[in-house]
N, C-alpha and C. Protein backbone atom coordinates (compact mmCIF):
# COMPACT_ATOMS: atom_id res chain seq x y z
N MET A 1 2.08 -5.86 12.05
CA MET A 1 1.91 -6.18 10.95
C MET A 1 2.81 -5.49 9.74
N ASP A 2 3.42 -6.00 8.93
CA ASP A 2 4.21 -5.53 7.90
C ASP A 2 3.56 -4.49 7.13
N LYS A 3 4.17 -3.41 6.85
CA LYS A 3 3.67 -2.53 5.83
C LYS A 3 3.68 -3.01 4.30
N LEU A 4 2.47 -2.61 3.67
CA LEU A 4 2.55 -3.07 2.47
C LEU A 4 3.56 -2.21 1.70
N ARG A 5 4.43 -2.51 0.58
CA ARG A 5 5.31 -1.82 0.07
C ARG A 5 4.92 -1.50 -1.62
N ILE A 6 4.61 -0.35 -1.40
CA ILE A 6 4.17 0.11 -2.95
C ILE A 6 5.14 1.25 -3.66
N LEU A 7 5.15 0.57 -4.91
CA LEU A 7 6.01 1.48 -5.81
C LEU A 7 5.31 2.17 -7.07
N PHE A 8 5.27 3.33 -7.23
CA PHE A 8 4.87 4.31 -7.97
C PHE A 8 5.84 4.53 -9.24
N VAL A 9 5.31 4.05 -10.67
CA VAL A 9 6.20 4.17 -11.81
C VAL A 9 5.53 5.03 -12.96
N CYS A 10 6.25 5.99 -13.53
CA CYS A 10 6.10 6.77 -14.48
C CYS A 10 6.99 7.02 -15.27
N ALA A 11 7.17 8.04 -16.47
CA ALA A 11 8.41 7.97 -17.27
C ALA A 11 9.55 8.55 -16.68
N MET A 12 9.41 9.60 -16.15
CA MET A 12 10.39 10.51 -15.46
C MET A 12 10.47 10.71 -14.01
N ASN A 13 9.62 10.25 -13.14
CA ASN A 13 9.62 10.31 -12.04
C ASN A 13 9.55 11.68 -11.33
N ARG A 14 8.80 12.58 -12.21
CA ARG A 14 9.18 14.15 -11.54
C ARG A 14 7.66 14.61 -11.32
N LEU A 15 6.46 14.13 -12.07
CA LEU A 15 5.02 14.57 -11.76
C LEU A 15 4.37 13.40 -11.34
N ARG A 16 3.60 12.33 -12.01
CA ARG A 16 2.86 11.64 -11.72
C ARG A 16 3.27 10.76 -10.44
N SER A 17 4.45 10.06 -10.92
CA SER A 17 4.88 9.04 -9.75
C SER A 17 5.18 9.77 -8.65
N ARG A 18 6.04 10.89 -8.66
CA ARG A 18 6.48 11.61 -7.25
C ARG A 18 5.03 12.21 -6.48
N THR A 19 4.03 12.51 -7.27
CA THR A 19 2.90 13.11 -6.71
C THR A 19 2.22 11.82 -5.79
N ALA A 20 2.33 10.86 -6.63
CA ALA A 20 1.55 9.38 -5.91
C ALA A 20 2.24 9.14 -4.56
N GLU A 21 3.70 9.32 -4.76
CA GLU A 21 4.65 8.78 -3.56
C GLU A 21 4.10 9.93 -2.29
N GLN A 22 3.96 11.25 -2.83
CA GLN A 22 3.83 12.24 -1.67
C GLN A 22 2.26 12.04 -1.20
N VAL A 23 1.40 11.74 -1.93
CA VAL A 23 0.27 11.59 -1.42
C VAL A 23 -0.06 10.27 -0.48
N PHE A 24 0.60 9.18 -0.86
CA PHE A 24 0.53 7.89 0.08
C PHE A 24 1.47 7.78 1.10
N SER A 25 2.57 8.47 0.93
CA SER A 25 3.77 8.27 1.78
C SER A 25 3.41 8.58 3.36
N GLY A 26 2.16 9.20 3.62
CA GLY A 26 1.67 9.72 4.91
C GLY A 26 1.07 8.63 5.75
N ARG A 27 0.80 7.34 5.07
CA ARG A 27 -0.16 6.57 5.45
C ARG A 27 0.79 5.36 6.32
N ASP A 28 0.17 5.16 7.69
CA ASP A 28 0.96 4.21 8.38
C ASP A 28 1.18 2.74 8.12
N ASP A 29 0.35 2.41 6.98
CA ASP A 29 0.20 0.97 6.71
C ASP A 29 0.94 0.82 5.31
N LEU A 30 1.66 1.53 4.83
CA LEU A 30 2.22 1.71 3.51
C LEU A 30 3.70 2.25 3.75
N ALA A 31 4.64 1.61 2.97
CA ALA A 31 6.20 1.97 2.51
C ALA A 31 5.97 2.23 1.25
N VAL A 32 6.10 3.65 0.97
CA VAL A 32 5.97 3.77 -0.45
C VAL A 32 7.13 4.60 -1.04
N ARG A 33 7.36 4.18 -2.52
CA ARG A 33 8.42 4.62 -3.20
C ARG A 33 7.96 5.30 -4.41
N SER A 34 9.07 5.83 -5.64
CA SER A 34 8.55 5.73 -7.05
C SER A 34 9.70 6.13 -7.78
N ALA A 35 9.52 5.93 -9.03
CA ALA A 35 10.71 5.70 -9.75
C ALA A 35 10.17 5.82 -11.31
N GLY A 36 11.14 6.07 -12.19
CA GLY A 36 10.82 6.52 -13.43
C GLY A 36 11.69 5.41 -14.55
N LEU A 37 10.88 5.17 -15.82
CA LEU A 37 11.39 4.01 -16.45
C LEU A 37 12.58 4.97 -17.41
N ASN A 38 12.58 5.96 -17.66
CA ASN A 38 13.47 6.76 -18.52
C ASN A 38 15.01 6.91 -17.89
N PRO A 39 15.98 6.64 -18.60
CA PRO A 39 17.32 6.54 -18.11
C PRO A 39 17.57 7.99 -17.35
N LYS A 40 17.00 8.91 -17.68
CA LYS A 40 17.40 10.29 -16.91
C LYS A 40 16.41 10.76 -15.97
N ALA A 41 15.60 9.57 -15.73
CA ALA A 41 14.36 10.01 -14.58
C ALA A 41 15.08 10.27 -13.24
N THR A 42 14.37 10.89 -12.57
CA THR A 42 15.04 11.18 -11.26
C THR A 42 15.42 10.20 -10.14
N VAL A 43 14.69 9.20 -10.16
CA VAL A 43 15.12 7.86 -9.68
C VAL A 43 14.82 6.71 -10.53
N VAL A 44 15.81 6.10 -11.29
CA VAL A 44 15.38 5.29 -12.26
C VAL A 44 15.12 4.01 -11.76
N LEU A 45 14.01 3.27 -12.28
CA LEU A 45 13.54 1.87 -11.98
C LEU A 45 14.68 1.03 -12.05
N SER A 46 14.67 0.11 -10.89
CA SER A 46 15.73 -0.81 -11.00
C SER A 46 15.15 -2.36 -10.61
N ALA A 47 15.65 -3.54 -10.63
CA ALA A 47 15.47 -4.57 -10.58
C ALA A 47 15.31 -4.65 -8.66
N ASP A 48 16.09 -3.76 -8.09
CA ASP A 48 16.06 -3.95 -6.81
C ASP A 48 14.78 -3.18 -6.18
N LEU A 49 14.39 -2.07 -6.81
CA LEU A 49 13.03 -1.52 -6.55
C LEU A 49 11.96 -2.44 -6.90
N ILE A 50 11.89 -3.07 -7.90
CA ILE A 50 10.89 -4.13 -8.33
C ILE A 50 10.74 -4.95 -7.44
N SER A 51 11.93 -5.78 -6.84
CA SER A 51 12.04 -6.85 -5.90
C SER A 51 11.57 -6.31 -4.56
N TRP A 52 11.58 -4.93 -4.39
CA TRP A 52 11.29 -4.25 -3.01
C TRP A 52 9.77 -4.41 -2.84
N ALA A 53 8.90 -4.04 -4.09
CA ALA A 53 7.57 -3.69 -3.89
C ALA A 53 6.77 -4.92 -4.04
N ASP A 54 5.67 -4.69 -3.25
CA ASP A 54 4.66 -5.65 -3.02
C ASP A 54 3.71 -5.39 -4.37
N MET A 55 3.44 -4.41 -4.43
CA MET A 55 2.78 -3.88 -5.70
C MET A 55 3.25 -2.57 -6.43
N ILE A 56 3.03 -2.58 -7.70
CA ILE A 56 3.58 -1.46 -8.51
C ILE A 56 2.51 -1.09 -9.19
N PHE A 57 2.23 0.28 -9.19
CA PHE A 57 1.40 1.22 -10.02
C PHE A 57 1.81 2.04 -10.83
N VAL A 58 1.72 1.56 -12.23
CA VAL A 58 1.97 2.27 -13.52
C VAL A 58 1.01 3.58 -13.75
N MET A 59 1.45 4.29 -14.62
CA MET A 59 0.43 5.30 -14.85
C MET A 59 -0.11 5.07 -16.33
N GLU A 60 0.65 4.40 -17.16
CA GLU A 60 0.15 4.04 -18.63
C GLU A 60 0.43 2.41 -18.85
N THR A 61 -0.41 1.96 -19.99
CA THR A 61 -0.02 0.61 -20.29
C THR A 61 1.37 0.52 -20.84
N SER A 62 1.70 1.45 -21.57
CA SER A 62 3.02 1.26 -22.10
C SER A 62 4.12 1.15 -20.75
N HIS A 63 3.76 1.59 -19.71
CA HIS A 63 4.83 1.45 -18.74
C HIS A 63 4.81 0.18 -18.21
N ARG A 64 3.73 -0.43 -18.20
CA ARG A 64 3.48 -1.95 -17.63
C ARG A 64 4.40 -2.75 -18.68
N GLN A 65 3.96 -2.50 -19.99
CA GLN A 65 4.80 -3.21 -20.95
C GLN A 65 6.47 -3.35 -20.84
N LYS A 66 6.85 -2.00 -20.83
CA LYS A 66 8.27 -1.73 -20.69
C LYS A 66 8.76 -2.56 -19.41
N ILE A 67 7.92 -2.61 -18.36
CA ILE A 67 8.56 -3.09 -16.94
C ILE A 67 8.54 -4.59 -17.33
N ARG A 68 7.46 -5.12 -17.70
CA ARG A 68 7.45 -6.57 -18.14
C ARG A 68 8.61 -7.12 -18.85
N HIS A 69 8.75 -6.32 -20.16
CA HIS A 69 9.87 -6.53 -20.68
C HIS A 69 11.32 -6.70 -20.27
N ARG A 70 11.71 -5.54 -19.56
CA ARG A 70 12.92 -5.27 -18.83
C ARG A 70 13.18 -6.21 -17.41
N PHE A 71 12.05 -6.54 -16.89
CA PHE A 71 12.22 -7.11 -15.42
C PHE A 71 11.47 -8.44 -15.29
N ARG A 72 11.45 -8.98 -16.40
CA ARG A 72 10.31 -10.23 -16.69
C ARG A 72 10.90 -11.48 -15.53
N GLY A 73 12.41 -11.59 -15.40
CA GLY A 73 12.68 -12.34 -14.23
C GLY A 73 12.33 -12.11 -12.69
N VAL A 74 12.02 -10.71 -12.69
CA VAL A 74 12.01 -10.36 -10.94
C VAL A 74 10.51 -10.06 -10.99
N LEU A 75 9.67 -10.09 -11.86
CA LEU A 75 8.30 -9.76 -11.47
C LEU A 75 7.28 -11.19 -11.39
N SER A 76 5.96 -10.70 -10.36
CA SER A 76 4.98 -11.71 -10.48
C SER A 76 3.93 -11.12 -11.26
N ASP A 77 3.17 -12.05 -11.98
CA ASP A 77 2.13 -11.72 -12.82
C ASP A 77 1.27 -10.33 -12.13
N ASP A 78 0.38 -10.59 -10.88
CA ASP A 78 -0.18 -9.70 -10.43
C ASP A 78 0.46 -8.37 -9.66
N GLN A 79 1.47 -8.18 -9.81
CA GLN A 79 2.25 -7.37 -9.13
C GLN A 79 1.89 -5.94 -9.45
N ILE A 80 1.55 -5.71 -10.87
CA ILE A 80 1.31 -4.47 -11.51
C ILE A 80 -0.11 -4.08 -12.01
N VAL A 81 -0.33 -2.92 -11.52
CA VAL A 81 -1.59 -2.38 -11.66
C VAL A 81 -1.39 -0.87 -12.35
N CYS A 82 -2.14 -1.08 -13.48
CA CYS A 82 -2.20 0.31 -14.55
C CYS A 82 -3.38 1.27 -13.96
N LEU A 83 -2.90 2.30 -13.87
CA LEU A 83 -3.79 3.38 -13.45
C LEU A 83 -4.41 4.11 -14.60
N SER A 84 -3.64 4.26 -15.63
CA SER A 84 -4.36 4.99 -16.79
C SER A 84 -4.56 6.41 -16.64
N ILE A 85 -3.59 6.96 -16.29
CA ILE A 85 -3.49 8.25 -16.06
C ILE A 85 -2.39 8.85 -16.88
N PRO A 86 -2.92 9.73 -17.86
CA PRO A 86 -2.09 10.34 -18.81
C PRO A 86 -0.88 11.31 -18.46
N ASP A 87 -0.01 11.44 -19.32
CA ASP A 87 1.06 12.74 -18.81
C ASP A 87 0.54 14.06 -19.28
N GLU A 88 -0.52 14.54 -18.44
CA GLU A 88 -1.04 15.99 -18.57
C GLU A 88 -1.21 16.76 -17.20
N TYR A 89 -0.68 16.34 -16.20
CA TYR A 89 -0.73 16.93 -14.88
C TYR A 89 0.68 17.48 -14.47
N THR A 90 0.68 18.30 -13.46
CA THR A 90 1.81 18.90 -12.70
C THR A 90 1.84 18.16 -11.39
N TYR A 91 2.72 18.51 -10.73
CA TYR A 91 3.13 18.05 -9.73
C TYR A 91 2.16 18.52 -8.44
N MET A 92 1.47 17.48 -7.77
CA MET A 92 0.65 17.74 -6.91
C MET A 92 -0.56 18.42 -7.41
N GLN A 93 -0.83 18.60 -8.64
CA GLN A 93 -2.01 19.13 -9.29
C GLN A 93 -3.41 18.66 -8.52
N PRO A 94 -4.38 19.46 -7.99
CA PRO A 94 -5.24 18.86 -7.45
C PRO A 94 -6.09 17.70 -8.15
N GLU A 95 -6.47 17.69 -9.40
CA GLU A 95 -7.01 16.81 -10.29
C GLU A 95 -6.52 15.46 -10.38
N LEU A 96 -4.96 15.64 -10.26
CA LEU A 96 -3.98 14.20 -10.25
C LEU A 96 -4.11 13.89 -8.77
N VAL A 97 -4.15 14.43 -7.91
CA VAL A 97 -4.14 13.80 -6.56
C VAL A 97 -5.52 13.31 -6.33
N ASN A 98 -6.57 13.83 -6.66
CA ASN A 98 -7.94 13.02 -6.71
C ASN A 98 -7.94 11.93 -7.42
N LEU A 99 -7.64 11.80 -8.71
CA LEU A 99 -7.35 10.90 -9.70
C LEU A 99 -6.58 9.63 -8.66
N LEU A 100 -5.26 9.90 -8.29
CA LEU A 100 -4.60 9.10 -7.66
C LEU A 100 -5.36 8.42 -6.70
N ILE A 101 -6.17 9.05 -5.62
CA ILE A 101 -6.77 8.52 -4.57
C ILE A 101 -7.87 7.78 -4.90
N GLY A 102 -8.48 8.01 -6.10
CA GLY A 102 -9.78 7.37 -6.35
C GLY A 102 -9.23 5.88 -7.22
N ARG A 103 -8.16 5.88 -7.69
CA ARG A 103 -7.87 4.65 -8.35
C ARG A 103 -6.80 3.83 -7.58
N VAL A 104 -6.22 4.10 -6.84
CA VAL A 104 -5.01 3.49 -5.86
C VAL A 104 -5.83 2.91 -4.93
N THR A 105 -6.62 3.57 -4.16
CA THR A 105 -7.15 3.25 -2.78
C THR A 105 -7.99 1.70 -2.83
N PRO A 106 -8.66 1.82 -3.84
CA PRO A 106 -9.32 0.45 -3.88
C PRO A 106 -8.48 -1.12 -3.89
N HIS A 107 -7.35 -0.76 -4.70
CA HIS A 107 -6.44 -1.80 -4.88
C HIS A 107 -5.91 -1.88 -3.54
N LEU A 108 -5.59 -1.02 -2.56
CA LEU A 108 -4.92 -1.05 -1.46
C LEU A 108 -5.93 -1.81 -0.37
N ARG A 109 -7.03 -1.76 -0.55
CA ARG A 109 -8.11 -2.30 0.47
C ARG A 109 -8.29 -3.77 0.08
N ARG A 110 -8.30 -4.29 -1.30
CA ARG A 110 -8.14 -5.70 -1.49
C ARG A 110 -6.83 -6.44 -1.06
N SER A 111 -5.59 -5.34 -1.37
CA SER A 111 -4.48 -6.10 -0.93
C SER A 111 -4.36 -6.47 0.65
N SER A 112 -4.95 -5.25 1.26
CA SER A 112 -4.72 -5.51 2.81
C SER A 112 -5.74 -6.67 3.40
N ARG A 113 -7.01 -6.88 2.63
CA ARG A 113 -7.82 -8.05 2.99
C ARG A 113 -7.16 -9.49 2.85
N ARG A 114 -6.31 -9.52 1.66
CA ARG A 114 -5.44 -10.58 1.09
C ARG A 114 -4.49 -10.76 2.16
N GLN A 115 -3.65 -9.75 2.54
CA GLN A 115 -2.63 -10.02 3.46
C GLN A 115 -3.22 -10.56 4.81
N GLY A 116 -4.33 -9.91 5.58
CA GLY A 116 -5.16 -10.43 6.63
C GLY A 116 -5.45 -11.76 6.36
N ASP A 117 -6.02 -12.21 5.50
CA ASP A 117 -6.60 -13.61 5.26
C ASP A 117 -5.27 -14.55 5.30
N SER A 118 -4.19 -14.29 4.42
CA SER A 118 -3.31 -15.09 4.58
C SER A 118 -2.39 -15.15 5.82
N ASP A 119 -2.53 -14.37 6.73
CA ASP A 119 -1.73 -14.22 8.12
C ASP A 119 -2.23 -15.24 9.13
N GLY A 120 -3.68 -15.74 8.72
CA GLY A 120 -3.89 -16.75 9.95
C GLY A 120 -4.62 -15.87 10.94
N GLN A 121 -3.48 -15.53 11.85
CA GLN A 121 -4.22 -14.95 12.99
C GLN A 121 -3.16 -13.81 13.39
N ASP A 122 -3.50 -12.64 14.15
CA ASP A 122 -2.67 -11.70 14.44
C ASP A 122 -1.48 -12.28 15.68
N PRO A 123 -0.46 -11.71 15.43
CA PRO A 123 0.74 -12.21 16.50
C PRO A 123 0.57 -11.64 17.72
């Protein structure tokens, strides 16, 4: 089975999205990357990253709006999920890790069920 490709996005790709990448990168069923919207981000969001991702998790509503505006020709409508996590956490802060697990995991379950349903049968 192919891995679900997940992209986490915040502003600078230093705290929230990098924490999310670290937390979920250990899963065998996922391929995980992260990026930031700011031109000075550690990894700057690109059309290639958007195209790579099956699902994009953003931390704030404004991130979703900026992505939709900048990359409207590359996105599908249901590709972006807003986690509503404000920029008030440090890298790997336990409260941030708990929020990420609680808010991301239900979407991964739904997505894997959809993938299983659309595959028909196992190879």
